[in-house]
Amino acid sequence: MKTKKIILLVLCIATIPFCTYAQKKKGKDPLKNVSVEYLNNSFGTYDKLQKQIWSHPELGFLEVKSSALLQEHLKEKGFAVEADIAGMPTAFVATYGSGSPVIGILAEFDALPGLSQDTVPYRKPLTEGANGHACGHNVFGVGSVAGAVAISQWLDSHKQTGTIKVFGTPAEEGGGGKVYLVREGFFKGVDIVLDWHPATANGVSVGTGTAIQMIDYTFRGIAAHAAGSPDKGRSALDGVEAFNYMVNLLREHVPFSSRFHYVIVNGGEAPNVVPDYAKVSYYIRSPKREVLKELVEWIGQAAEGAAKGTQTTVSSEIISGFYEKLYNRKLAELVQQQLHIVGGVHYDERERAFAEEIVKGLNGDPATLEQVVTIRPLAEERPSTGGGSSDVGDVSWNVPTVSFGTAVFVPGSAGHSWQNVAADGSTIGTKGLINAAKVFSLTAIELYTNPQLVQDAKKEFEEKRGKDFHYVPLLGDRAPALDYRLPNR
């Protein structure tokens, strides 16, 4: 009999869906609780809220209406909201409950420039050249808020000690709002941070991402008539172009996983005037902060060399900078369990037809749509070999953090694409955010009712971070670049 119990225990640990089924058979269905019931009954509320934000896409640090909508809803649900914090007018922290553990949920709400799109499966900007939610932050913020409200309902109904905090973090797309909140101490006293992001599938994030510094290089020269007296001028644009050329030569000699991207944001006003001012914006990335530091120094030397070679001057400004992510396996396993309990996203007939048209336009296989229904197995930690960055990285080096995704976008869609805008502004996006909110609520319940889970996550966090770790933000002591999305800044 003892042997049979051991075998059953091993099987249960190895097969989470089986455990969930067994719980349901015993009448312990984890989906039968007040937080999940609240979300099941609130689809219309959060569908409307996410579409309000989708319909008014605002760029980083300019998300006045988006932030206000989230704050208003949280206040209506009994949260105490502290806004206009850490030098960012659209940042906020909303708090409910009291005592430990303190669980934080991250919320984003900024859009991207130039990606306006209607909710149709073909390219149709609502306003040519306008903003769009191509990274799904309209559902991101709403899903986080919905999850926090659901948790608050459970805390009340069970008279449970514990605190839930929503961190409204602006300007993830380059502005680094979370970094300022970390730097100014807003995450002190938080035990665990839960994070999610809209995705094309359902699963825990196991990648570490890349550390990044975003730097503007400004060249200044001497204006002159480009035809009549070019010898009197010194072209700032020449400085930028010489600089870019040298950086492009560097690509052969840096680690494969590193990335450089740039755009010339100002190259002069007229061809017949030698430009005395030019600016280029750089994103410099690497999976490790130590390597990133070396690359930033090298690129800085190239800028100085370009200035000398063109007899111009150059100055640089760090716009923002993020750490790579610190992965936490204990939290990943916990969230994986909740993802299996919640399950995937299920399209209705209309949503399926829409998604099939998106896939068709991408020359994809309709069979890929099945991945929105399933949960990806929990993979091992995946150290970055290049790719994107997020200011969640800074949070993860200060508080044990876990990230996951739910199927908001149609499989096969690229990041930052019009296809994403079309999907996340529809009920497909709402279904994804409701699933994320359920995962938040179930995860928080486990953390509130099992203190050992919190301690285990903290222990792993401290071991991985190292006893000698000292947090130094990559953006230094600068104030938030509130104007970084404004033209001609």
Protein backbone atom coordinates (compact mmCIF):
# COMPACT_ATOMS: atom_id res chain seq x y z
CA MET A 1 0.00 0.00 0.00
CA LYS A 2 2.85 2.38 0.88
CA THR A 3 4.51 1.68 -2.48
CA LYS A 4 1.30 2.48 -4.35
CA LYS A 5 1.00 5.82 -2.54
CA ILE A 6 4.56 6.74 -3.49
CA ILE A 7 3.94 5.86 -7.15
CA LEU A 8 0.72 7.90 -7.18
CA LEU A 9 2.54 10.87 -5.64
CA VAL A 10 5.29 10.74 -8.27
CA LEU A 11 2.72 10.55 -11.06
CA CYS A 12 0.82 13.50 -9.61
CA ILE A 13 3.93 15.69 -9.45
CA ALA A 14 4.92 14.75 -12.98
CA THR A 15 1.51 15.33 -14.53
CA ILE A 16 -0.10 18.53 -13.34
CA PRO A 17 -3.21 18.15 -15.51
CA PHE A 18 -3.83 14.74 -13.90
CA CYS A 19 -3.56 16.34 -10.44
CA THR A 20 -6.05 19.00 -11.41
CA TYR A 21 -8.44 16.35 -12.66
CA ALA A 22 -8.01 14.41 -9.42
CA GLN A 23 -8.75 17.55 -7.40
CA LYS A 24 -11.93 18.13 -9.37
CA LYS A 25 -13.01 14.53 -8.82
CA LYS A 26 -12.68 15.11 -5.05
CA GLY A 27 -14.70 18.31 -5.24
CA LYS A 28 -11.67 20.58 -4.92
CA ASP A 29 -11.91 22.34 -8.25
CA PRO A 30 -9.56 25.35 -7.91
CA LEU A 31 -11.66 27.23 -10.46
CA LYS A 32 -14.59 27.20 -8.07
CA ASN A 33 -13.63 30.24 -6.03
CA VAL A 34 -14.82 33.82 -5.71
CA SER A 35 -11.95 35.33 -7.71
CA VAL A 36 -12.52 33.17 -10.78
CA GLU A 37 -16.28 33.58 -10.53
CA TYR A 38 -15.79 37.35 -10.47
CA LEU A 39 -13.73 37.18 -13.67
CA ASN A 40 -16.22 34.87 -15.36
CA ASN A 41 -18.92 37.45 -14.66
CA SER A 42 -16.83 40.47 -15.69
CA PHE A 43 -15.94 39.76 -19.33
CA GLY A 44 -18.01 42.70 -20.53
CA THR A 45 -16.41 45.09 -18.02
CA TYR A 46 -12.86 44.30 -19.06
CA ASP A 47 -13.70 43.98 -22.74
CA LYS A 48 -14.97 47.57 -22.64
CA LEU A 49 -12.00 48.81 -20.62
CA GLN A 50 -9.34 47.27 -22.85
CA LYS A 51 -11.07 48.59 -25.97
CA GLN A 52 -11.19 52.10 -24.51
CA ILE A 53 -7.42 52.02 -24.11
CA TRP A 54 -6.96 50.37 -27.52
CA SER A 55 -9.05 53.12 -29.13
CA HIS A 56 -6.89 55.85 -27.63
CA PRO A 57 -3.30 54.53 -28.00
CA GLU A 58 -0.84 56.75 -26.14
CA LEU A 59 2.96 56.69 -26.34
CA GLY A 60 5.35 56.29 -23.44
CA PHE A 61 5.02 58.82 -20.59
CA LEU A 62 2.04 60.34 -22.46
CA GLU A 63 -0.53 57.72 -21.39
CA VAL A 64 -2.74 60.21 -19.53
CA LYS A 65 -6.13 58.70 -20.44
CA SER A 66 -4.97 55.06 -20.33
CA SER A 67 -3.45 55.41 -16.86
CA ALA A 68 -6.49 57.35 -15.58
CA LEU A 69 -8.91 54.64 -16.77
CA LEU A 70 -7.01 51.94 -14.88
CA GLN A 71 -6.70 54.09 -11.76
CA GLU A 72 -10.41 54.94 -11.77
CA HIS A 73 -11.41 51.30 -12.00
CA LEU A 74 -9.09 50.33 -9.15
CA LYS A 75 -10.45 53.12 -6.96
CA GLU A 76 -13.99 51.96 -7.67
CA LYS A 77 -12.97 48.51 -6.42
CA GLY A 78 -11.57 49.83 -3.15
CA PHE A 79 -7.88 50.17 -3.94
CA ALA A 80 -5.89 53.06 -2.51
CA VAL A 81 -4.10 54.69 -5.45
CA GLU A 82 -0.91 56.75 -5.28
CA ALA A 83 -0.31 58.47 -8.62
CA ASP A 84 2.24 60.81 -10.25
CA ILE A 85 5.17 59.03 -8.61
CA ALA A 86 8.92 58.74 -9.20
CA GLY A 87 8.82 61.78 -11.47
CA MET A 88 6.34 60.14 -13.87
CA PRO A 89 2.86 61.68 -14.08
CA THR A 90 1.27 58.50 -15.50
CA ALA A 91 2.85 56.06 -13.04
CA PHE A 92 0.87 54.75 -10.07
CA VAL A 93 0.74 52.16 -7.31
CA ALA A 94 -2.64 50.79 -6.22
CA THR A 95 -2.84 48.88 -2.92
CA TYR A 96 -5.44 46.61 -1.34
CA GLY A 97 -5.34 44.60 1.87
CA SER A 98 -2.81 44.60 4.67
CA GLY A 99 0.01 42.53 6.06
CA SER A 100 2.24 39.90 4.48
CA PRO A 101 2.91 38.52 2.04
CA VAL A 102 2.90 41.52 -0.26
CA ILE A 103 2.35 40.51 -3.89
CA GLY A 104 2.95 42.96 -6.73
CA ILE A 105 1.45 42.78 -10.22
CA LEU A 106 2.96 44.75 -13.08
CA ALA A 107 0.74 46.70 -15.47
CA GLU A 108 1.77 48.40 -18.73
CA PHE A 109 -0.31 50.61 -21.03
CA ASP A 110 1.88 52.43 -23.58
CA ALA A 111 1.43 52.07 -27.35
CA LEU A 112 3.83 52.19 -30.31
CA PRO A 113 4.16 54.86 -33.02
CA GLY A 114 3.06 54.31 -36.60
CA LEU A 115 1.03 51.13 -36.09
CA SER A 116 -2.57 52.27 -36.24
CA GLN A 117 -4.86 49.42 -37.34
CA ASP A 118 -8.53 48.47 -37.38
CA THR A 119 -9.75 45.13 -35.98
CA VAL A 120 -9.85 43.49 -39.40
CA PRO A 121 -7.61 40.71 -40.79
CA TYR A 122 -6.01 42.90 -43.46
CA ARG A 123 -3.94 46.08 -43.34
CA LYS A 124 -6.23 49.01 -42.62
CA PRO A 125 -4.88 51.86 -40.48
CA LEU A 126 -7.55 53.76 -38.61
CA THR A 127 -5.39 56.85 -39.03
CA GLU A 128 -2.36 56.69 -41.32
CA GLY A 129 0.85 57.05 -39.32
CA ALA A 130 -0.90 57.12 -35.93
CA ASN A 131 -0.15 55.05 -32.85
CA GLY A 132 -1.29 51.48 -32.23
CA HIS A 133 -1.15 48.82 -29.51
CA ALA A 134 1.12 46.45 -31.43
CA CYS A 135 2.60 45.02 -28.22
CA GLY A 136 -0.76 44.45 -26.56
CA HIS A 137 -0.30 46.79 -23.62
CA ASN A 138 -3.98 47.69 -23.80
CA VAL A 139 -4.80 44.17 -22.62
CA PHE A 140 -1.63 43.95 -20.51
CA GLY A 141 -2.68 46.71 -18.12
CA VAL A 142 -6.32 45.64 -18.03
CA GLY A 143 -5.45 41.97 -17.44
CA SER A 144 -3.22 42.91 -14.51
CA VAL A 145 -5.87 45.16 -13.01
CA ALA A 146 -8.57 42.50 -13.48
CA GLY A 147 -6.36 39.94 -11.75
CA ALA A 148 -5.68 42.27 -8.82
CA VAL A 149 -9.38 43.05 -8.36
CA ALA A 150 -10.20 39.34 -8.42
CA ILE A 151 -7.54 38.72 -5.76
CA SER A 152 -8.96 41.50 -3.60
CA GLN A 153 -12.36 39.82 -3.73
CA TRP A 154 -10.82 36.56 -2.55
CA LEU A 155 -8.91 38.31 0.27
CA ASP A 156 -12.18 39.83 1.49
CA SER A 157 -14.27 36.68 1.22
CA HIS A 158 -11.68 34.62 3.12
CA LYS A 159 -10.70 37.37 5.58
CA GLN A 160 -7.13 36.58 4.54
CA THR A 161 -4.12 38.59 5.64
CA GLY A 162 -2.09 39.81 2.69
CA THR A 163 -1.53 42.76 0.41
CA ILE A 164 -1.93 43.10 -3.34
CA LYS A 165 -0.27 45.96 -5.23
CA VAL A 166 -0.69 46.99 -8.86
CA PHE A 167 2.29 48.84 -10.28
CA GLY A 168 1.18 51.06 -13.14
CA THR A 169 4.38 51.33 -15.13
CA PRO A 170 4.52 53.73 -18.09
CA ALA A 171 6.80 53.78 -21.12
CA GLU A 172 8.01 50.19 -21.26
CA GLU A 173 8.72 50.72 -24.95
CA GLY A 174 12.00 52.54 -24.43
CA GLY A 175 11.26 54.81 -21.49
CA GLY A 176 11.91 52.35 -18.68
CA GLY A 177 9.21 53.37 -16.22
CA LYS A 178 9.82 50.36 -13.95
CA VAL A 179 13.47 51.30 -13.51
CA TYR A 180 12.54 54.62 -11.91
CA LEU A 181 10.07 52.89 -9.60
CA VAL A 182 12.77 50.44 -8.56
CA ARG A 183 15.37 53.19 -8.14
CA GLU A 184 13.04 55.28 -5.98
CA GLY A 185 12.24 52.36 -3.67
CA PHE A 186 8.64 51.58 -4.61
CA PHE A 187 9.31 47.83 -4.68
CA LYS A 188 10.81 47.72 -1.18
CA GLY A 189 8.77 45.47 1.08
CA VAL A 190 7.26 43.54 -1.83
CA ASP A 191 7.72 39.78 -1.44
CA ILE A 192 6.82 38.48 -4.91
CA VAL A 193 6.14 40.15 -8.27
CA LEU A 194 3.87 38.57 -10.89
CA ASP A 195 4.13 39.68 -14.50
CA TRP A 196 2.60 38.68 -17.81
CA HIS A 197 2.71 39.70 -21.45
CA PRO A 198 0.38 39.12 -24.39
CA ALA A 199 1.73 36.33 -26.61
CA THR A 200 0.82 33.96 -29.44
CA ALA A 201 0.72 30.99 -27.04
CA ASN A 202 0.23 30.13 -23.37
CA GLY A 203 3.26 29.46 -21.21
CA VAL A 204 5.78 30.61 -18.63
CA SER A 205 8.58 32.86 -19.86
CA VAL A 206 11.92 31.12 -19.39
CA GLY A 207 14.18 33.47 -21.38
CA THR A 208 16.45 35.96 -19.65
CA GLY A 209 16.26 38.58 -22.41
CA THR A 210 18.96 41.16 -23.01
CA ALA A 211 20.30 44.08 -21.03
CA ILE A 212 20.02 47.34 -22.95
CA GLN A 213 21.14 50.93 -22.99
CA MET A 214 19.33 53.46 -25.15
CA ILE A 215 21.60 56.38 -26.00
CA ASP A 216 21.15 59.48 -28.14
CA TYR A 217 24.31 60.85 -29.81
CA THR A 218 24.12 64.49 -30.86
CA PHE A 219 26.66 65.93 -33.32
CA ARG A 220 27.21 69.66 -33.79
CA GLY A 221 29.08 71.33 -36.62
CA ILE A 222 29.12 74.61 -38.54
CA ALA A 223 26.37 75.66 -40.94
CA ALA A 224 27.27 77.00 -44.38
CA HIS A 225 25.93 77.21 -47.94
CA ALA A 226 26.36 73.70 -49.28
CA ALA A 227 27.13 74.96 -52.81
CA GLY A 228 28.49 78.47 -52.32
CA SER A 229 30.84 77.96 -49.38
CA PRO A 230 30.96 74.30 -48.34
CA ASP A 231 34.55 74.71 -47.14
CA LYS A 232 33.29 76.99 -44.39
CA GLY A 233 30.96 74.32 -43.02
CA ARG A 234 31.43 71.23 -40.90
CA SER A 235 28.59 68.76 -41.28
CA ALA A 236 27.02 67.28 -38.18
CA LEU A 237 25.35 64.77 -40.50
CA ASP A 238 28.77 63.69 -41.74
CA GLY A 239 29.63 62.99 -38.11
CA VAL A 240 26.52 60.82 -37.69
CA GLU A 241 27.13 58.92 -40.92
CA ALA A 242 30.80 58.31 -40.12
CA PHE A 243 29.77 57.13 -36.65
CA ASN A 244 27.14 54.74 -38.01
CA TYR A 245 29.61 53.34 -40.54
CA MET A 246 32.15 52.57 -37.81
CA VAL A 247 29.51 50.92 -35.62
CA ASN A 248 28.43 48.75 -38.53
CA LEU A 249 32.05 47.60 -38.90
CA LEU A 250 32.02 46.62 -35.22
CA ARG A 251 29.32 44.02 -35.79
CA GLU A 252 31.89 41.49 -37.02
CA HIS A 253 33.86 41.77 -33.80
CA VAL A 254 31.27 41.61 -31.03
CA PRO A 255 29.54 38.58 -29.48
CA PHE A 256 26.90 37.10 -31.78
CA SER A 257 24.20 37.63 -29.16
CA SER A 258 24.74 41.41 -29.05
CA ARG A 259 22.55 43.78 -31.03
CA PHE A 260 22.79 47.39 -32.24
CA HIS A 261 19.91 49.32 -33.82
CA TYR A 262 19.78 52.98 -34.72
CA VAL A 263 17.68 55.64 -36.43
CA ILE A 264 18.77 59.11 -37.51
CA VAL A 265 16.16 61.28 -35.83
CA ASN A 266 17.51 64.56 -37.21
CA GLY A 267 19.80 64.85 -40.20
CA GLY A 268 19.41 68.51 -41.13
CA GLU A 269 16.74 70.74 -42.61
CA ALA A 270 17.66 71.34 -46.28
CA PRO A 271 20.18 69.84 -48.74
CA ASN A 272 21.68 73.23 -49.57
CA VAL A 273 22.59 73.94 -45.94
CA VAL A 274 25.48 72.13 -44.27
CA PRO A 275 23.78 70.73 -41.13
CA ASP A 276 25.16 72.13 -37.90
CA TYR A 277 23.01 69.71 -35.86
CA ALA A 278 22.25 66.00 -36.24
CA LYS A 279 21.11 63.30 -33.87
CA VAL A 280 21.09 59.50 -33.97
CA SER A 281 19.32 57.24 -31.44
CA TYR A 282 20.90 53.88 -30.55
CA TYR A 283 19.68 50.75 -28.79
CA ILE A 284 22.64 48.66 -27.62
CA ARG A 285 21.89 45.18 -26.27
CA SER A 286 23.66 42.17 -24.84
CA PRO A 287 22.53 39.24 -22.66
CA LYS A 288 24.97 40.25 -19.90
CA ARG A 289 25.34 43.69 -18.34
CA GLU A 290 29.11 43.29 -18.13
CA VAL A 291 29.41 42.80 -21.90
CA LEU A 292 26.93 45.61 -22.53
CA LYS A 293 29.14 48.01 -20.57
CA GLU A 294 32.12 47.17 -22.80
CA LEU A 295 30.06 47.65 -25.96
CA VAL A 296 28.75 51.03 -24.81
CA GLU A 297 32.31 52.19 -24.15
CA TRP A 298 33.47 51.00 -27.59
CA ILE A 299 30.58 52.65 -29.38
CA GLY A 300 31.29 55.83 -27.43
CA GLN A 301 34.86 55.76 -28.70
CA ALA A 302 33.54 55.38 -32.26
CA ALA A 303 31.39 58.48 -31.74
CA GLU A 304 34.41 60.47 -30.55
CA GLY A 305 36.44 59.22 -33.52
CA ALA A 306 33.72 60.21 -35.96
CA ALA A 307 33.56 63.68 -34.44
CA LYS A 308 37.31 64.16 -34.72
CA GLY A 309 37.37 62.90 -38.28
CA THR A 310 34.66 65.33 -39.37
CA GLN A 311 35.77 68.24 -37.16
CA THR A 312 32.48 68.25 -35.32
CA THR A 313 31.65 67.67 -31.67
CA VAL A 314 29.53 64.96 -30.12
CA SER A 315 27.63 64.54 -26.87
CA SER A 316 25.64 61.57 -25.61
CA GLU A 317 22.58 61.15 -23.40
CA ILE A 318 21.45 57.89 -21.83
CA ILE A 319 17.70 57.80 -22.44
CA SER A 320 17.11 54.56 -20.59
CA GLY A 321 18.62 51.20 -19.69
CA PHE A 322 17.35 47.84 -18.47
CA TYR A 323 18.87 44.78 -16.80
CA GLU A 324 18.48 41.30 -18.24
CA LYS A 325 15.94 39.15 -16.35
CA LEU A 326 16.75 37.02 -13.32
CA TYR A 327 14.82 33.78 -13.70
CA ASN A 328 13.10 32.10 -10.73
CA ARG A 329 12.34 28.41 -11.20
CA LYS A 330 10.21 28.01 -8.08
CA LEU A 331 7.81 30.69 -9.22
CA ALA A 332 7.86 29.37 -12.78
CA GLU A 333 6.71 25.93 -11.58
CA LEU A 334 3.94 27.51 -9.52
CA VAL A 335 2.60 29.58 -12.41
CA GLN A 336 2.86 26.61 -14.76
CA GLN A 337 0.46 24.72 -12.51
CA GLN A 338 -2.05 27.56 -12.64
CA LEU A 339 -1.79 27.84 -16.42
CA HIS A 340 -2.75 24.17 -16.69
CA ILE A 341 -5.70 24.71 -14.38
CA VAL A 342 -6.96 27.75 -16.34
CA GLY A 343 -6.30 26.24 -19.77
CA GLY A 344 -5.94 27.92 -23.13
CA VAL A 345 -7.95 30.41 -25.17
CA HIS A 346 -10.96 29.08 -27.09
CA TYR A 347 -12.11 30.93 -30.20
CA ASP A 348 -15.74 31.11 -31.18
CA GLU A 349 -16.71 30.75 -34.85
CA ARG A 350 -16.25 34.44 -35.65
CA GLU A 351 -12.87 34.64 -33.90
CA ARG A 352 -11.68 31.47 -35.63
CA ALA A 353 -12.56 32.88 -39.06
CA PHE A 354 -10.73 36.11 -38.23
CA ALA A 355 -7.64 34.22 -37.03
CA GLU A 356 -7.62 31.98 -40.11
CA GLU A 357 -7.60 35.06 -42.35
CA ILE A 358 -4.62 36.46 -40.41
CA VAL A 359 -2.76 33.16 -40.80
CA LYS A 360 -3.62 33.02 -44.50
CA GLY A 361 -2.19 36.50 -45.00
CA LEU A 362 1.03 35.36 -43.32
CA ASN A 363 1.21 32.28 -45.58
CA GLY A 364 1.01 30.16 -42.45
CA ASP A 365 -0.60 26.84 -41.57
CA PRO A 366 -4.08 27.06 -39.95
CA ALA A 367 -3.05 24.11 -37.78
CA THR A 368 -0.87 26.50 -35.77
CA LEU A 369 -4.05 27.96 -34.29
CA GLU A 370 -4.32 24.90 -32.08
CA GLN A 371 -1.51 26.27 -29.91
CA VAL A 372 -3.85 28.91 -28.45
CA VAL A 373 -5.83 26.10 -26.79
CA THR A 374 -2.87 24.30 -25.25
CA ILE A 375 -0.31 25.09 -22.55
CA ARG A 376 3.35 24.87 -23.45
CA PRO A 377 5.42 22.52 -21.27
CA LEU A 378 7.68 24.27 -18.79
CA ALA A 379 11.12 24.38 -20.40
CA GLU A 380 14.47 24.88 -18.70
CA GLU A 381 15.80 28.39 -18.23
CA ARG A 382 16.91 29.76 -21.60
CA PRO A 383 19.87 32.16 -21.41
CA SER A 384 19.48 34.77 -24.12
CA THR A 385 21.23 34.49 -27.46
CA GLY A 386 19.96 37.91 -28.50
CA GLY A 387 16.58 39.50 -28.82
CA GLY A 388 14.36 41.89 -26.92
CA SER A 389 14.67 43.66 -23.60
CA SER A 390 12.27 44.75 -20.88
CA ASP A 391 12.40 46.95 -17.81
CA VAL A 392 10.94 43.95 -15.95
CA GLY A 393 14.59 42.92 -15.76
CA ASP A 394 15.35 45.56 -13.14
CA VAL A 395 12.38 44.45 -11.05
CA SER A 396 13.53 40.82 -11.22
CA TRP A 397 16.93 41.68 -9.69
CA ASN A 398 15.23 43.39 -6.74
CA VAL A 399 12.22 41.13 -6.04
CA PRO A 400 11.60 37.47 -6.98
CA THR A 401 9.67 37.77 -10.24
CA VAL A 402 7.92 35.46 -12.69
CA SER A 403 6.53 36.22 -16.15
CA PHE A 404 4.10 34.29 -18.32
CA GLY A 405 2.09 34.78 -21.49
CA THR A 406 -1.38 33.98 -22.76
CA ALA A 407 -2.60 33.74 -26.36
CA VAL A 408 -3.69 37.29 -27.21
CA PHE A 409 -2.13 37.40 -30.68
CA VAL A 410 -2.76 35.09 -33.62
CA PRO A 411 -0.01 32.45 -33.94
CA GLY A 412 2.55 33.37 -36.57
CA SER A 413 2.15 37.11 -36.06
CA ALA A 414 5.35 39.08 -35.58
CA GLY A 415 5.93 41.25 -32.56
CA HIS A 416 5.05 44.92 -33.02
CA SER A 417 2.88 44.18 -36.06
CA TRP A 418 -0.48 45.40 -37.35
CA GLN A 419 -1.75 41.84 -36.95
CA ASN A 420 -1.22 42.20 -33.19
CA VAL A 421 -3.16 45.46 -33.08
CA ALA A 422 -6.05 43.86 -34.96
CA ALA A 423 -6.22 40.87 -32.61
CA ASP A 424 -5.67 42.50 -29.23
CA GLY A 425 -8.39 45.08 -29.87
CA SER A 426 -10.93 42.30 -30.36
CA THR A 427 -12.58 39.77 -28.06
CA ILE A 428 -9.58 37.50 -28.72
CA GLY A 429 -7.53 39.98 -26.72
CA THR A 430 -10.13 40.08 -23.97
CA LYS A 431 -10.18 36.28 -23.66
CA GLY A 432 -6.40 36.30 -23.30
CA LEU A 433 -6.45 38.96 -20.58
CA ILE A 434 -9.18 37.16 -18.62
CA ASN A 435 -7.08 33.99 -18.66
CA ALA A 436 -4.06 35.97 -17.46
CA ALA A 437 -6.16 37.46 -14.65
CA LYS A 438 -7.24 33.95 -13.58
CA VAL A 439 -3.62 32.81 -13.49
CA PHE A 440 -2.77 35.83 -11.33
CA SER A 441 -5.58 35.09 -8.91
CA LEU A 442 -4.85 31.38 -8.56
CA THR A 443 -1.11 32.03 -8.15
CA ALA A 444 -1.72 34.66 -5.48
CA ILE A 445 -4.07 32.35 -3.59
CA GLU A 446 -1.35 29.69 -3.47
CA LEU A 447 1.19 32.25 -2.22
CA TYR A 448 -1.16 33.63 0.43
CA THR A 449 -2.13 30.21 1.76
CA ASN A 450 1.29 28.55 1.58
CA PRO A 451 4.02 30.80 3.05
CA GLN A 452 6.66 28.19 2.27
CA LEU A 453 6.25 28.91 -1.45
CA VAL A 454 7.22 32.52 -0.80
CA GLN A 455 10.23 31.50 1.27
CA ASP A 456 11.42 29.00 -1.34
CA ALA A 457 11.20 31.61 -4.10
CA LYS A 458 13.11 34.13 -1.98
CA LYS A 459 15.82 31.60 -1.16
CA GLU A 460 16.39 30.82 -4.84
CA PHE A 461 16.37 34.54 -5.63
CA GLU A 462 19.06 35.31 -3.07
CA GLU A 463 21.23 32.41 -4.21
CA LYS A 464 21.06 33.38 -7.87
CA ARG A 465 21.53 37.08 -7.28
CA GLY A 466 24.54 36.55 -5.04
CA LYS A 467 25.34 38.05 -1.64
CA ASP A 468 27.56 40.75 -3.15
CA PHE A 469 24.94 42.08 -5.56
CA HIS A 470 24.43 45.84 -5.52
CA TYR A 471 21.81 47.39 -7.74
CA VAL A 472 23.04 50.21 -9.97
CA PRO A 473 20.50 51.33 -12.59
CA LEU A 474 21.83 51.46 -16.14
CA LEU A 475 20.12 54.80 -16.71
CA GLY A 476 22.11 56.39 -13.88
CA ASP A 477 20.60 59.20 -11.84
CA ARG A 478 18.85 60.94 -14.72
CA ALA A 479 15.23 62.05 -14.39
CA PRO A 480 12.62 60.23 -16.49
CA ALA A 481 12.89 61.22 -20.17
CA LEU A 482 9.28 62.36 -20.29
CA ASP A 483 9.75 63.89 -23.75
CA TYR A 484 11.48 60.93 -25.42
CA ARG A 485 8.44 60.27 -27.65
CA LEU A 486 7.88 63.89 -28.58
CA PRO A 487 8.97 65.03 -32.07
CA ASN A 488 12.02 67.29 -32.33
CA ARG A 489 13.01 66.76 -28.72
